């Protein structure tokens, strides 16, 4: 289920004149979380009428940032478990 921000993103993209299928793909398949949709909305409010290619580039950058953040959090959790093992043993 798409977040409220993803629904807002879809409407903003449609309002800017992008094809309906493209808007749905971006908002509901790729940027369907509050975090990613909010990032794209911020981009759309800063940049006036980006080309489709620029929009896709920004989407890929947002997804890449999100993936790095997820990996960082996973690494921090793993490091916390290892540290706990060193402190307290098995």
Protein backbone atom coordinates (compact mmCIF):
# COMPACT_ATOMS: atom_id res chain seq x y z
CA UNK A 1 0.00 0.00 0.00
CA UNK A 2 1.37 3.39 -0.95
CA UNK A 3 1.95 6.01 1.71
CA UNK A 4 0.10 9.32 1.79
CA UNK A 5 3.27 11.06 0.58
CA UNK A 6 3.46 8.66 -2.38
CA UNK A 7 -0.11 9.56 -3.29
CA UNK A 8 0.79 13.24 -3.02
CA UNK A 9 3.84 12.64 -5.22
CA UNK A 10 1.65 10.96 -7.84
CA UNK A 11 -0.68 13.97 -7.92
CA UNK A 12 2.20 16.46 -8.15
CA UNK A 13 3.80 14.52 -11.01
CA UNK A 14 0.48 14.37 -12.85
CA UNK A 15 -0.02 18.08 -12.27
CA UNK A 16 3.33 18.77 -13.90
CA UNK A 17 2.17 16.97 -17.03
CA UNK A 18 4.14 13.72 -16.86
CA UNK A 19 2.53 10.60 -18.40
CA UNK A 20 0.13 8.78 -16.08
CA UNK A 21 1.98 5.44 -16.32
CA UNK A 22 5.30 7.14 -15.54
CA UNK A 23 3.80 8.89 -12.50
CA UNK A 24 2.37 5.62 -11.18
CA UNK A 25 5.69 3.81 -11.72
CA UNK A 26 7.64 6.48 -9.85
CA UNK A 27 5.20 7.09 -6.99
CA UNK A 28 3.73 3.66 -6.37
CA UNK A 29 6.50 1.27 -7.34
CA UNK A 30 9.81 2.98 -6.62
CA UNK A 31 9.25 5.93 -4.26
CA UNK A 32 6.34 4.51 -2.27
CA UNK A 33 7.57 5.33 1.25
CA UNK A 34 7.21 8.60 3.10
CA UNK A 35 10.99 9.06 3.13
CA UNK A 36 11.56 8.59 -0.61
CA UNK A 37 8.40 10.39 -1.72
CA UNK A 38 9.20 13.37 0.52
CA UNK A 39 12.69 13.58 -0.95
CA UNK A 40 11.29 13.60 -4.50
CA UNK A 41 8.65 16.16 -3.58
CA UNK A 42 11.40 18.41 -2.25
CA UNK A 43 13.26 18.02 -5.53
CA UNK A 44 10.15 18.84 -7.54
CA UNK A 45 9.52 22.00 -5.49
CA UNK A 46 13.14 23.16 -6.01
CA UNK A 47 13.54 22.32 -9.71
CA UNK A 48 11.16 23.75 -12.26
CA UNK A 49 9.95 21.26 -14.87
CA UNK A 50 12.76 18.68 -14.92
CA UNK A 51 13.00 16.43 -17.96
CA UNK A 52 12.00 12.78 -17.58
CA UNK A 53 15.66 11.77 -17.58
CA UNK A 54 16.49 14.21 -14.79
CA UNK A 55 13.54 12.94 -12.77
CA UNK A 56 14.71 9.34 -13.18
CA UNK A 57 18.27 10.33 -12.21
CA UNK A 58 16.96 11.96 -9.04
CA UNK A 59 14.84 8.88 -8.26
CA UNK A 60 17.90 6.65 -8.62
CA UNK A 61 19.92 8.95 -6.36
CA UNK A 62 17.18 8.88 -3.72
CA UNK A 63 16.99 5.08 -3.86
CA UNK A 64 20.77 4.82 -3.64
CA UNK A 65 20.83 7.08 -0.57
CA UNK A 66 18.06 5.02 1.01
CA UNK A 67 19.96 1.79 0.39
CA UNK A 68 23.13 3.25 1.94
CA UNK A 69 21.14 4.33 5.00
CA UNK A 70 19.63 0.85 5.36
CA UNK A 71 23.06 -0.78 5.08
CA UNK A 72 24.49 1.63 7.65
CA UNK A 73 21.71 0.83 10.13
CA UNK A 74 22.17 -2.92 9.59
CA UNK A 75 25.91 -2.56 10.14
CA UNK A 76 25.34 -0.57 13.34
CA UNK A 77 22.97 -3.26 14.66
CA UNK A 78 25.46 -6.01 13.83
CA UNK A 79 28.27 -4.07 15.51
CA UNK A 80 26.11 -3.59 18.62
CA UNK A 81 25.55 -7.36 18.83
CA UNK A 82 29.27 -8.06 18.44
CA UNK A 83 30.13 -5.47 21.09
CA UNK A 84 27.61 -7.02 23.44
CA UNK A 85 29.17 -10.44 22.87
CA UNK A 86 32.62 -9.08 23.68
CA UNK A 87 31.35 -7.40 26.85
CA UNK A 88 29.07 -10.13 28.16
CA UNK A 89 30.17 -13.29 26.38
CA UNK A 90 27.79 -15.92 25.12
